[in-house]
Amino acid sequence: MRITPFATGNPKRTFNPNPSTRARPNMTLAERAVRSLAAMKPNPQPPLLRLRHPLVLMHGFGVLAAFGRGGMLHEQAMHLRKRGVWAFAPNVSPYHTVSARADQWGARLTHILRETDADQVHLVAHSMGGLDARFLVSRRGWAERVATLTTVSTPHRGTSAADFVMEQPDRLIALLAAAAEWLGRQILPDDDASDFTRAVRELRPAHVQGTFNPATPDAPSVDYRSYAGRAGRGTDVPINPFFRLLNHVIYEREGVNDGYVATESARWGDFRGALDADHARQVGLAAGGLRRVPAADAFYRTLAQDLADEEDDRR
């Protein structure tokens, strides 16, 4: 299944609270001007999305999406809050191992459950955040407190981008690690134990498929679903120049990808489709992080609506 265009939402859910504000035939120029500038709607606010459980957005590896945004997925969480969703987007170490990040997520989720007095959460995890979430559920005892886990472009079978990084000269890897860990400490001041090199090794296909997946079985009580991304080579979807090199590398080794994760690697549980978006656009960024992608807000809003609809069906 291919989702095209990216994150436009379900057209059946279009909300038009007051069609009478549209211009009518034979209106005077003055009437049209006033209507276009100052017409009020009886119910101008968008409909509320009523979720029984809080929705937690979990970010992935790196800090690209954090600059000027308060966090990787902070803006998407605030967009959902405007729709009435108890949405949260905590931040954890951007350059640490899955187990270390999972422990940090556990602390963040405990705080959220206390704040909301909820007994479960919905997790929506982007990229490496999906591996963190699976580890948290399977190996940190969170299965009973997680209602659903939706992953978006998570490398469930690893990513050859990690192989490519680890194939570089040791000196270059050391420089990358030092720079990444320094940057991580500045962005998240209480992050004093990043481990860039180990984190990258844990994203290699051999490790994810040979070690992580066998040791991290799905919890029967948790509903797993996933989305992939596609852009660049092998598609007609443009890709952020930042990802162009990795897009070519991954395409040669794994096929169609979003610049960081192969489309096939992102499949897990109930596969919901592929987004026509590169890895950055999936979290609302384009043009090197200088321009927002409103379609990402619509995508996460649609996810929340789907979860709300499913909760209603179970009642």
C-alpha atoms as a PDB file:
ATOM      1  CA  MET A   1       0.000   0.000   0.000  1.00  0.00           C
ATOM      2  CA  ARG A   2       1.291   3.446  -0.914  1.00  0.00           C
ATOM      3  CA  ILE A   3      -0.017   6.561   0.820  1.00  0.00           C
ATOM      4  CA  THR A   4      -0.150   9.406  -1.697  1.00  0.00           C
ATOM      5  CA  PRO A   5       0.128  12.284  -1.208  1.00  0.00           C
ATOM      6  CA  PHE A   6       1.943  12.289   2.132  1.00  0.00           C
ATOM      7  CA  ALA A   7      -0.171  13.041   5.145  1.00  0.00           C
ATOM      8  CA  THR A   8      -3.072  14.823   3.547  1.00  0.00           C
ATOM      9  CA  GLY A   9      -5.410  13.078   5.947  1.00  0.00           C
ATOM     10  CA  ASN A  10      -8.702  11.386   5.196  1.00  0.00           C
ATOM     11  CA  PRO A  11     -10.834  13.559   2.879  1.00  0.00           C
ATOM     12  CA  LYS A  12     -13.951  12.071   4.475  1.00  0.00           C
ATOM     13  CA  ARG A  13     -13.022  13.924   7.660  1.00  0.00           C
ATOM     14  CA  THR A  14     -13.011  17.384   6.088  1.00  0.00           C
ATOM     15  CA  PHE A  15     -14.579  19.802   8.561  1.00  0.00           C
ATOM     16  CA  ASN A  16     -16.657  22.695   7.269  1.00  0.00           C
ATOM     17  CA  PRO A  17     -18.650  24.075  10.210  1.00  0.00           C
ATOM     18  CA  ASN A  18     -20.338  26.838   8.254  1.00  0.00           C
ATOM     19  CA  PRO A  19     -20.656  26.474   4.486  1.00  0.00           C
ATOM     20  CA  SER A  20     -22.700  29.687   4.377  1.00  0.00           C
ATOM     21  CA  THR A  21     -19.505  31.760   4.704  1.00  0.00           C
ATOM     22  CA  ARG A  22     -18.565  30.828   1.140  1.00  0.00           C
ATOM     23  CA  ALA A  23     -19.087  33.441  -1.529  1.00  0.00           C
ATOM     24  CA  ARG A  24     -22.430  33.098  -3.290  1.00  0.00           C
ATOM     25  CA  PRO A  25     -23.183  33.931  -6.913  1.00  0.00           C
ATOM     26  CA  ASN A  26     -24.259  37.535  -7.559  1.00  0.00           C
ATOM     27  CA  MET A  27     -22.585  38.880  -4.389  1.00  0.00           C
ATOM     28  CA  THR A  28     -21.311  42.446  -4.602  1.00  0.00           C
ATOM     29  CA  LEU A  29     -17.608  43.177  -4.434  1.00  0.00           C
ATOM     30  CA  ALA A  30     -18.046  44.704  -0.968  1.00  0.00           C
ATOM     31  CA  GLU A  31     -19.894  41.622   0.293  1.00  0.00           C
ATOM     32  CA  ARG A  32     -17.192  39.345  -1.048  1.00  0.00           C
ATOM     33  CA  ALA A  33     -14.454  41.450   0.550  1.00  0.00           C
ATOM     34  CA  VAL A  34     -16.104  41.475   3.982  1.00  0.00           C
ATOM     35  CA  ARG A  35     -16.816  37.747   3.852  1.00  0.00           C
ATOM     36  CA  SER A  36     -13.252  36.912   2.892  1.00  0.00           C
ATOM     37  CA  LEU A  37     -11.736  39.143   5.584  1.00  0.00           C
ATOM     38  CA  ALA A  38     -14.062  38.955   8.555  1.00  0.00           C
ATOM     39  CA  ALA A  39     -16.699  36.261   8.157  1.00  0.00           C
ATOM     40  CA  MET A  40     -17.230  34.345  11.401  1.00  0.00           C
ATOM     41  CA  LYS A  41     -18.230  30.716  11.710  1.00  0.00           C
ATOM     42  CA  PRO A  42     -20.638  29.447  14.370  1.00  0.00           C
ATOM     43  CA  ASN A  43     -18.173  26.692  15.320  1.00  0.00           C
ATOM     44  CA  PRO A  44     -14.735  27.814  14.131  1.00  0.00           C
ATOM     45  CA  GLN A  45     -12.634  25.393  16.161  1.00  0.00           C
ATOM     46  CA  PRO A  46     -11.712  22.030  14.610  1.00  0.00           C
ATOM     47  CA  PRO A  47     -13.419  18.956  16.066  1.00  0.00           C
ATOM     48  CA  LEU A  48     -11.894  17.422  19.178  1.00  0.00           C
ATOM     49  CA  LEU A  49     -10.078  14.108  18.944  1.00  0.00           C
ATOM     50  CA  ARG A  50     -11.056  12.155  22.010  1.00  0.00           C
ATOM     51  CA  LEU A  51      -8.536   9.491  22.940  1.00  0.00           C
ATOM     52  CA  ARG A  52      -8.959   7.412  26.045  1.00  0.00           C
ATOM     53  CA  HIS A  53      -5.192   7.112  26.553  1.00  0.00           C
ATOM     54  CA  PRO A  54      -2.418   9.711  26.251  1.00  0.00           C
ATOM     55  CA  LEU A  55      -0.513   9.646  22.969  1.00  0.00           C
ATOM     56  CA  VAL A  56       3.273   9.774  23.238  1.00  0.00           C
ATOM     57  CA  LEU A  57       5.461  10.651  20.255  1.00  0.00           C
ATOM     58  CA  MET A  58       8.925   9.088  20.439  1.00  0.00           C
ATOM     59  CA  HIS A  59      11.767  10.537  18.391  1.00  0.00           C
ATOM     60  CA  GLY A  60      14.634   8.769  16.714  1.00  0.00           C
ATOM     61  CA  PHE A  61      18.391   9.092  16.363  1.00  0.00           C
ATOM     62  CA  GLY A  62      20.080  12.472  15.972  1.00  0.00           C
ATOM     63  CA  VAL A  63      19.175  16.102  16.514  1.00  0.00           C
ATOM     64  CA  LEU A  64      18.281  17.446  13.052  1.00  0.00           C
ATOM     65  CA  ALA A  65      14.635  17.983  13.973  1.00  0.00           C
ATOM     66  CA  ALA A  66      15.346  19.591  17.346  1.00  0.00           C
ATOM     67  CA  PHE A  67      16.743  22.953  16.273  1.00  0.00           C
ATOM     68  CA  GLY A  68      14.394  25.797  17.098  1.00  0.00           C
ATOM     69  CA  ARG A  69      11.495  23.441  17.789  1.00  0.00           C
ATOM     70  CA  GLY A  70      11.698  22.457  21.454  1.00  0.00           C
ATOM     71  CA  GLY A  71      12.237  18.842  20.509  1.00  0.00           C
ATOM     72  CA  MET A  72      12.091  16.406  17.628  1.00  0.00           C
ATOM     73  CA  LEU A  73       8.300  15.993  17.605  1.00  0.00           C
ATOM     74  CA  HIS A  74       7.267  18.826  19.914  1.00  0.00           C
ATOM     75  CA  GLU A  75       5.403  20.764  17.226  1.00  0.00           C
ATOM     76  CA  GLN A  76       3.374  17.731  16.209  1.00  0.00           C
ATOM     77  CA  ALA A  77       2.455  17.128  19.858  1.00  0.00           C
ATOM     78  CA  MET A  78       1.319  20.734  20.263  1.00  0.00           C
ATOM     79  CA  HIS A  79      -0.710  20.453  17.064  1.00  0.00           C
ATOM     80  CA  LEU A  80      -2.494  17.421  18.514  1.00  0.00           C
ATOM     81  CA  ARG A  81      -3.094  19.188  21.811  1.00  0.00           C
ATOM     82  CA  LYS A  82      -4.969  21.889  19.931  1.00  0.00           C
ATOM     83  CA  ARG A  83      -7.306  19.099  18.805  1.00  0.00           C
ATOM     84  CA  GLY A  84      -7.906  17.912  22.353  1.00  0.00           C
ATOM     85  CA  VAL A  85      -5.421  15.030  22.420  1.00  0.00           C
ATOM     86  CA  TRP A  86      -3.311  14.388  25.499  1.00  0.00           C
ATOM     87  CA  ALA A  87      -0.188  14.411  23.351  1.00  0.00           C
ATOM     88  CA  PHE A  88       3.366  14.362  24.646  1.00  0.00           C
ATOM     89  CA  ALA A  89       6.747  14.405  22.907  1.00  0.00           C
ATOM     90  CA  PRO A  90       9.480  13.927  25.516  1.00  0.00           C
ATOM     91  CA  ASN A  91      13.154  14.052  24.624  1.00  0.00           C
ATOM     92  CA  VAL A  92      15.829  11.465  25.364  1.00  0.00           C
ATOM     93  CA  SER A  93      19.487  11.141  24.448  1.00  0.00           C
ATOM     94  CA  PRO A  94      19.789  11.558  20.668  1.00  0.00           C
ATOM     95  CA  TYR A  95      23.007   9.513  20.463  1.00  0.00           C
ATOM     96  CA  HIS A  96      22.732   6.584  22.837  1.00  0.00           C
ATOM     97  CA  THR A  97      22.049   2.867  22.743  1.00  0.00           C
ATOM     98  CA  VAL A  98      18.567   1.383  22.534  1.00  0.00           C
ATOM     99  CA  SER A  99      18.654   0.049  26.096  1.00  0.00           C
ATOM    100  CA  ALA A 100      19.830   3.369  27.555  1.00  0.00           C
ATOM    101  CA  ARG A 101      17.228   5.323  25.615  1.00  0.00           C
ATOM    102  CA  ALA A 102      14.523   2.827  26.602  1.00  0.00           C
ATOM    103  CA  ASP A 103      15.316   3.437  30.266  1.00  0.00           C
ATOM    104  CA  GLN A 104      15.022   7.175  29.676  1.00  0.00           C
ATOM    105  CA  TRP A 105      11.711   6.673  27.875  1.00  0.00           C
ATOM    106  CA  GLY A 106      10.501   4.614  30.815  1.00  0.00           C
ATOM    107  CA  ALA A 107      11.142   7.526  33.165  1.00  0.00           C
ATOM    108  CA  ARG A 108       9.391   9.947  30.797  1.00  0.00           C
ATOM    109  CA  LEU A 109       6.362   7.673  30.418  1.00  0.00           C
ATOM    110  CA  THR A 110       6.095   7.149  34.161  1.00  0.00           C
ATOM    111  CA  HIS A 111       5.903  10.923  34.559  1.00  0.00           C
ATOM    112  CA  ILE A 112       3.192  11.132  31.880  1.00  0.00           C
ATOM    113  CA  LEU A 113       1.080   8.404  33.478  1.00  0.00           C
ATOM    114  CA  ARG A 114       1.279  10.189  36.817  1.00  0.00           C
ATOM    115  CA  GLU A 115       0.435  13.558  35.274  1.00  0.00           C
ATOM    116  CA  THR A 116      -2.590  12.228  33.397  1.00  0.00           C
ATOM    117  CA  ASP A 117      -3.685   9.583  35.921  1.00  0.00           C
ATOM    118  CA  ALA A 118      -3.870   7.150  32.992  1.00  0.00           C
ATOM    119  CA  ASP A 119      -3.140   3.438  33.099  1.00  0.00           C
ATOM    120  CA  GLN A 120      -1.968   3.041  29.483  1.00  0.00           C
ATOM    121  CA  VAL A 121      -0.484   5.048  26.627  1.00  0.00           C
ATOM    122  CA  HIS A 122      -0.478   4.935  22.842  1.00  0.00           C
ATOM    123  CA  LEU A 123       3.084   5.077  21.500  1.00  0.00           C
ATOM    124  CA  VAL A 124       3.884   6.550  18.078  1.00  0.00           C
ATOM    125  CA  ALA A 125       7.589   6.130  17.441  1.00  0.00           C
ATOM    126  CA  HIS A 126       9.678   7.506  14.602  1.00  0.00           C
ATOM    127  CA  SER A 127      12.849   5.824  13.354  1.00  0.00           C
ATOM    128  CA  MET A 128      15.091   4.455  16.142  1.00  0.00           C
ATOM    129  CA  GLY A 129      12.371   5.402  18.606  1.00  0.00           C
ATOM    130  CA  GLY A 130      10.486   2.337  17.402  1.00  0.00           C
ATOM    131  CA  LEU A 131      13.315   0.043  18.498  1.00  0.00           C
ATOM    132  CA  ASP A 132      13.407   1.854  21.836  1.00  0.00           C
ATOM    133  CA  ALA A 133       9.666   1.282  22.200  1.00  0.00           C
ATOM    134  CA  ARG A 134       9.867  -2.409  21.321  1.00  0.00           C
ATOM    135  CA  PHE A 135      12.685  -2.861  23.852  1.00  0.00           C
ATOM    136  CA  LEU A 136      10.703  -0.976  26.497  1.00  0.00           C
ATOM    137  CA  VAL A 137       7.617  -3.141  25.955  1.00  0.00           C
ATOM    138  CA  SER A 138       9.359  -6.488  25.637  1.00  0.00           C
ATOM    139  CA  ARG A 139      12.329  -6.193  27.978  1.00  0.00           C
ATOM    140  CA  ARG A 140      11.473  -3.493  30.495  1.00  0.00           C
ATOM    141  CA  GLY A 141       8.037  -4.718  31.555  1.00  0.00           C
ATOM    142  CA  TRP A 142       5.869  -2.075  29.899  1.00  0.00           C
ATOM    143  CA  ALA A 143       3.558  -4.386  27.943  1.00  0.00           C
ATOM    144  CA  GLU A 144       0.561  -3.882  30.238  1.00  0.00           C
ATOM    145  CA  ARG A 145       0.929  -0.106  30.118  1.00  0.00           C
ATOM    146  CA  VAL A 146       1.117   0.236  26.325  1.00  0.00           C
ATOM    147  CA  ALA A 147      -2.134  -0.074  24.383  1.00  0.00           C
ATOM    148  CA  THR A 148      -0.705   0.333  20.878  1.00  0.00           C
ATOM    149  CA  LEU A 149       2.677   0.875  19.269  1.00  0.00           C
ATOM    150  CA  THR A 150       2.801   2.573  15.876  1.00  0.00           C
ATOM    151  CA  THR A 151       6.229   2.827  14.274  1.00  0.00           C
ATOM    152  CA  VAL A 152       7.070   5.221  11.456  1.00  0.00           C
ATOM    153  CA  SER A 153      10.121   4.387   9.348  1.00  0.00           C
ATOM    154  CA  THR A 154      11.739   2.326  12.090  1.00  0.00           C
ATOM    155  CA  PRO A 155      14.687   0.131  11.011  1.00  0.00           C
ATOM    156  CA  HIS A 156      13.161  -3.121  12.259  1.00  0.00           C
ATOM    157  CA  ARG A 157      15.732  -5.017  10.201  1.00  0.00           C
ATOM    158  CA  GLY A 158      18.485  -2.465  10.633  1.00  0.00           C
ATOM    159  CA  THR A 159      19.731   0.099   8.152  1.00  0.00           C
ATOM    160  CA  SER A 160      22.708  -0.122   5.840  1.00  0.00           C
ATOM    161  CA  ALA A 161      23.266   3.561   6.579  1.00  0.00           C
ATOM    162  CA  ALA A 162      24.784   2.343   9.858  1.00  0.00           C
ATOM    163  CA  ASP A 163      26.986  -0.118   7.961  1.00  0.00           C
ATOM    164  CA  PHE A 164      28.154   2.720   5.727  1.00  0.00           C
ATOM    165  CA  VAL A 165      29.120   4.876   8.712  1.00  0.00           C
ATOM    166  CA  MET A 166      31.036   2.057  10.396  1.00  0.00           C
ATOM    167  CA  GLU A 167      32.917   1.324   7.156  1.00  0.00           C
ATOM    168  CA  GLN A 168      34.604   4.725   7.303  1.00  0.00           C
ATOM    169  CA  PRO A 169      38.154   5.212   8.665  1.00  0.00           C
ATOM    170  CA  ASP A 170      38.442   4.941  12.440  1.00  0.00           C
ATOM    171  CA  ARG A 171      39.660   8.519  12.732  1.00  0.00           C
ATOM    172  CA  LEU A 172      36.594   9.839  10.926  1.00  0.00           C
ATOM    173  CA  ILE A 173      34.268   7.735  13.086  1.00  0.00           C
ATOM    174  CA  ALA A 174      35.977   9.079  16.214  1.00  0.00           C
ATOM    175  CA  LEU A 175      35.517  12.657  15.008  1.00  0.00           C
ATOM    176  CA  LEU A 176      31.855  12.032  14.202  1.00  0.00           C
ATOM    177  CA  ALA A 177      31.308  10.458  17.619  1.00  0.00           C
ATOM    178  CA  ALA A 178      32.977  13.322  19.479  1.00  0.00           C
ATOM    179  CA  ALA A 179      30.979  15.930  17.567  1.00  0.00           C
ATOM    180  CA  ALA A 180      27.674  14.084  17.975  1.00  0.00           C
ATOM    181  CA  GLU A 181      28.137  13.492  21.691  1.00  0.00           C
ATOM    182  CA  TRP A 182      29.136  17.121  22.287  1.00  0.00           C
ATOM    183  CA  LEU A 183      26.074  18.281  20.355  1.00  0.00           C
ATOM    184  CA  GLY A 184      23.844  15.905  22.279  1.00  0.00           C
ATOM    185  CA  ARG A 185      25.050  17.313  25.599  1.00  0.00           C
ATOM    186  CA  GLN A 186      24.300  20.868  24.506  1.00  0.00           C
ATOM    187  CA  ILE A 187      20.801  20.042  23.303  1.00  0.00           C
ATOM    188  CA  LEU A 188      19.874  17.827  26.263  1.00  0.00           C
ATOM    189  CA  PRO A 189      21.970  19.122  29.188  1.00  0.00           C
ATOM    190  CA  ASP A 190      21.302  16.119  31.439  1.00  0.00           C
ATOM    191  CA  ASP A 191      22.586  13.762  28.732  1.00  0.00           C
ATOM    192  CA  ASP A 192      26.033  12.957  30.077  1.00  0.00           C
ATOM    193  CA  ALA A 193      26.465   9.425  28.770  1.00  0.00           C
ATOM    194  CA  SER A 194      25.943   9.339  25.007  1.00  0.00           C
ATOM    195  CA  ASP A 195      27.611   6.568  23.036  1.00  0.00           C
ATOM    196  CA  PHE A 196      27.417   7.394  19.336  1.00  0.00           C
ATOM    197  CA  THR A 197      29.535   4.499  18.099  1.00  0.00           C
ATOM    198  CA  ARG A 198      27.667   1.795  20.019  1.00  0.00           C
ATOM    199  CA  ALA A 199      24.351   3.328  19.007  1.00  0.00           C
ATOM    200  CA  VAL A 200      25.280   3.191  15.320  1.00  0.00           C
ATOM    201  CA  ARG A 201      26.512  -0.395  15.657  1.00  0.00           C
ATOM    202  CA  GLU A 202      23.160  -1.363  17.154  1.00  0.00           C
ATOM    203  CA  LEU A 203      21.413  -0.078  14.024  1.00  0.00           C
ATOM    204  CA  ARG A 204      23.389  -2.317  11.660  1.00  0.00           C
ATOM    205  CA  PRO A 205      21.279  -4.997   9.940  1.00  0.00           C
ATOM    206  CA  ALA A 206      23.399  -7.847  11.299  1.00  0.00           C
ATOM    207  CA  HIS A 207      22.842  -6.698  14.875  1.00  0.00           C
ATOM    208  CA  VAL A 208      19.134  -5.904  14.580  1.00  0.00           C
ATOM    209  CA  GLN A 209      18.285  -9.124  12.758  1.00  0.00           C
ATOM    210  CA  GLY A 210      20.718 -11.414  14.538  1.00  0.00           C
ATOM    211  CA  THR A 211      20.637 -10.096  18.108  1.00  0.00           C
ATOM    212  CA  PHE A 212      17.954  -7.498  18.771  1.00  0.00           C
ATOM    213  CA  ASN A 213      14.924  -9.074  17.104  1.00  0.00           C
ATOM    214  CA  PRO A 214      15.353 -12.589  18.551  1.00  0.00           C
ATOM    215  CA  ALA A 215      15.760 -11.117  22.043  1.00  0.00           C
ATOM    216  CA  THR A 216      12.859  -8.669  21.684  1.00  0.00           C
ATOM    217  CA  PRO A 217       9.653 -10.572  20.891  1.00  0.00           C
ATOM    218  CA  ASP A 218       6.368  -8.745  20.458  1.00  0.00           C
ATOM    219  CA  ALA A 219       4.074  -8.635  23.472  1.00  0.00           C
ATOM    220  CA  PRO A 220       0.749 -10.380  22.704  1.00  0.00           C
ATOM    221  CA  SER A 221      -1.233  -7.707  24.546  1.00  0.00           C
ATOM    222  CA  VAL A 222       0.155  -4.810  22.477  1.00  0.00           C
ATOM    223  CA  ASP A 223      -1.225  -3.848  19.066  1.00  0.00           C
ATOM    224  CA  TYR A 224       1.719  -3.275  16.696  1.00  0.00           C
ATOM    225  CA  ARG A 225       1.347  -1.342  13.433  1.00  0.00           C
ATOM    226  CA  SER A 226       3.832   0.372  11.132  1.00  0.00           C
ATOM    227  CA  TYR A 227       4.416   2.839   8.307  1.00  0.00           C
ATOM    228  CA  ALA A 228       7.403   3.113   5.986  1.00  0.00           C
ATOM    229  CA  GLY A 229       8.788   6.008   3.973  1.00  0.00           C
ATOM    230  CA  ARG A 230       9.937   6.299   0.369  1.00  0.00           C
ATOM    231  CA  ALA A 231      11.780   9.034  -1.513  1.00  0.00           C
ATOM    232  CA  GLY A 232      14.673   9.589  -3.883  1.00  0.00           C
ATOM    233  CA  ARG A 233      16.059   6.750  -5.983  1.00  0.00           C
ATOM    234  CA  GLY A 234      13.535   4.270  -7.298  1.00  0.00           C
ATOM    235  CA  THR A 235      10.637   6.667  -6.666  1.00  0.00           C
ATOM    236  CA  ASP A 236       9.186   9.873  -8.066  1.00  0.00           C
ATOM    237  CA  VAL A 237       9.334  11.522  -4.629  1.00  0.00           C
ATOM    238  CA  PRO A 238      11.904  14.309  -4.087  1.00  0.00           C
ATOM    239  CA  ILE A 239      14.390  13.884  -1.259  1.00  0.00           C
ATOM    240  CA  ASN A 240      16.113  16.341   1.052  1.00  0.00           C
ATOM    241  CA  PRO A 241      19.695  16.937  -0.187  1.00  0.00           C
ATOM    242  CA  PHE A 242      20.909  16.083   3.313  1.00  0.00           C
ATOM    243  CA  PHE A 243      19.887  12.454   2.708  1.00  0.00           C
ATOM    244  CA  ARG A 244      20.993  12.115  -0.904  1.00  0.00           C
ATOM    245  CA  LEU A 245      24.235  10.208  -0.282  1.00  0.00           C
ATOM    246  CA  LEU A 246      22.670   7.752   2.162  1.00  0.00           C
ATOM    247  CA  ASN A 247      19.672   7.384  -0.131  1.00  0.00           C
ATOM    248  CA  HIS A 248      21.981   6.123  -2.893  1.00  0.00           C
ATOM    249  CA  VAL A 249      23.934   3.866  -0.535  1.00  0.00           C
ATOM    250  CA  ILE A 250      20.815   2.249   0.919  1.00  0.00           C
ATOM    251  CA  TYR A 251      19.192   1.883  -2.497  1.00  0.00           C
ATOM    252  CA  GLU A 252      22.170  -0.100  -3.781  1.00  0.00           C
ATOM    253  CA  ARG A 253      22.082  -2.419  -0.752  1.00  0.00           C
ATOM    254  CA  GLU A 254      18.416  -2.635   0.264  1.00  0.00           C
ATOM    255  CA  GLY A 255      16.282  -0.928  -2.370  1.00  0.00           C
ATOM    256  CA  VAL A 256      13.765   1.889  -2.031  1.00  0.00           C
ATOM    257  CA  ASN A 257      14.190   3.951   1.126  1.00  0.00           C
ATOM    258  CA  ASP A 258      13.550   7.363   2.668  1.00  0.00           C
ATOM    259  CA  GLY A 259      17.184   8.406   2.993  1.00  0.00           C
ATOM    260  CA  TYR A 260      17.759   6.547   6.236  1.00  0.00           C
ATOM    261  CA  VAL A 261      15.582   3.424   6.427  1.00  0.00           C
ATOM    262  CA  ALA A 262      14.630   0.995   3.664  1.00  0.00           C
ATOM    263  CA  THR A 263      10.911   0.657   3.021  1.00  0.00           C
ATOM    264  CA  GLU A 264      11.002  -3.096   3.619  1.00  0.00           C
ATOM    265  CA  SER A 265      12.943  -2.705   6.864  1.00  0.00           C
ATOM    266  CA  ALA A 266      10.177  -0.503   8.291  1.00  0.00           C
ATOM    267  CA  ARG A 267       7.457  -3.166   8.054  1.00  0.00           C
ATOM    268  CA  TRP A 268       6.353  -4.522  11.427  1.00  0.00           C
ATOM    269  CA  GLY A 269       3.062  -5.874  12.702  1.00  0.00           C
ATOM    270  CA  ASP A 270       0.072  -4.481  10.815  1.00  0.00           C
ATOM    271  CA  PHE A 271       1.736  -2.613   7.946  1.00  0.00           C
ATOM    272  CA  ARG A 272      -0.352   0.461   7.100  1.00  0.00           C
ATOM    273  CA  GLY A 273       1.527   1.698   4.033  1.00  0.00           C
ATOM    274  CA  ALA A 274       4.425   3.762   2.699  1.00  0.00           C
ATOM    275  CA  LEU A 275       4.540   7.538   3.035  1.00  0.00           C
ATOM    276  CA  ASP A 276       5.750   9.578   0.085  1.00  0.00           C
ATOM    277  CA  ALA A 277       8.174  11.454   2.300  1.00  0.00           C
ATOM    278  CA  ASP A 278      11.841  11.354   3.199  1.00  0.00           C
ATOM    279  CA  HIS A 279      13.004  10.784   6.757  1.00  0.00           C
ATOM    280  CA  ALA A 280      12.970  14.489   7.649  1.00  0.00           C
ATOM    281  CA  ARG A 281       9.567  15.279   6.149  1.00  0.00           C
ATOM    282  CA  GLN A 282       8.060  12.549   8.314  1.00  0.00           C
ATOM    283  CA  VAL A 283       8.761  14.731  11.349  1.00  0.00           C
ATOM    284  CA  GLY A 284       7.724  17.932   9.615  1.00  0.00           C
ATOM    285  CA  LEU A 285      11.006  19.227   8.206  1.00  0.00           C
ATOM    286  CA  ALA A 286      12.123  20.208   4.724  1.00  0.00           C
ATOM    287  CA  ALA A 287      14.874  22.309   3.134  1.00  0.00           C
ATOM    288  CA  GLY A 288      17.500  21.325   5.672  1.00  0.00           C
ATOM    289  CA  GLY A 289      15.218  22.003   8.605  1.00  0.00           C
ATOM    290  CA  LEU A 290      14.444  25.596   7.625  1.00  0.00           C
ATOM    291  CA  ARG A 291      10.885  24.994   6.446  1.00  0.00           C
ATOM    292  CA  ARG A 292       8.025  23.124   8.108  1.00  0.00           C
ATOM    293  CA  VAL A 293       5.929  20.486   6.391  1.00  0.00           C
ATOM    294  CA  PRO A 294       2.278  20.977   7.402  1.00  0.00           C
ATOM    295  CA  ALA A 295       1.426  17.597   5.886  1.00  0.00           C
ATOM    296  CA  ALA A 296       3.254  15.954   8.787  1.00  0.00           C
ATOM    297  CA  ASP A 297       0.797  17.533  11.230  1.00  0.00           C
ATOM    298  CA  ALA A 298      -2.048  16.069   9.193  1.00  0.00           C
ATOM    299  CA  PHE A 299      -0.412  12.640   9.211  1.00  0.00           C
ATOM    300  CA  TYR A 300      -0.085  12.497  13.000  1.00  0.00           C
ATOM    301  CA  ARG A 301      -3.572  13.940  13.371  1.00  0.00           C
ATOM    302  CA  THR A 302      -4.914  11.154  11.164  1.00  0.00           C
ATOM    303  CA  LEU A 303      -3.057   8.594  13.282  1.00  0.00           C
ATOM    304  CA  ALA A 304      -4.711  10.017  16.381  1.00  0.00           C
ATOM    305  CA  GLN A 305      -8.127   9.956  14.715  1.00  0.00           C
ATOM    306  CA  ASP A 306      -7.647   6.328  13.691  1.00  0.00           C
ATOM    307  CA  LEU A 307      -6.748   5.412  17.273  1.00  0.00           C
ATOM    308  CA  ALA A 308      -9.795   7.278  18.569  1.00  0.00           C
ATOM    309  CA  ASP A 309     -12.045   5.480  16.074  1.00  0.00           C
ATOM    310  CA  GLU A 310     -10.608   2.119  17.124  1.00  0.00           C
ATOM    311  CA  GLU A 311     -11.172   2.939  20.790  1.00  0.00           C
ATOM    312  CA  ASP A 312     -14.804   3.758  19.985  1.00  0.00           C
ATOM    313  CA  ASP A 313     -15.200   0.450  18.154  1.00  0.00           C
ATOM    314  CA  ARG A 314     -13.983  -1.452  21.228  1.00  0.00           C
ATOM    315  CA  ARG A 315     -16.451   0.220  23.594  1.00  0.00           C
END
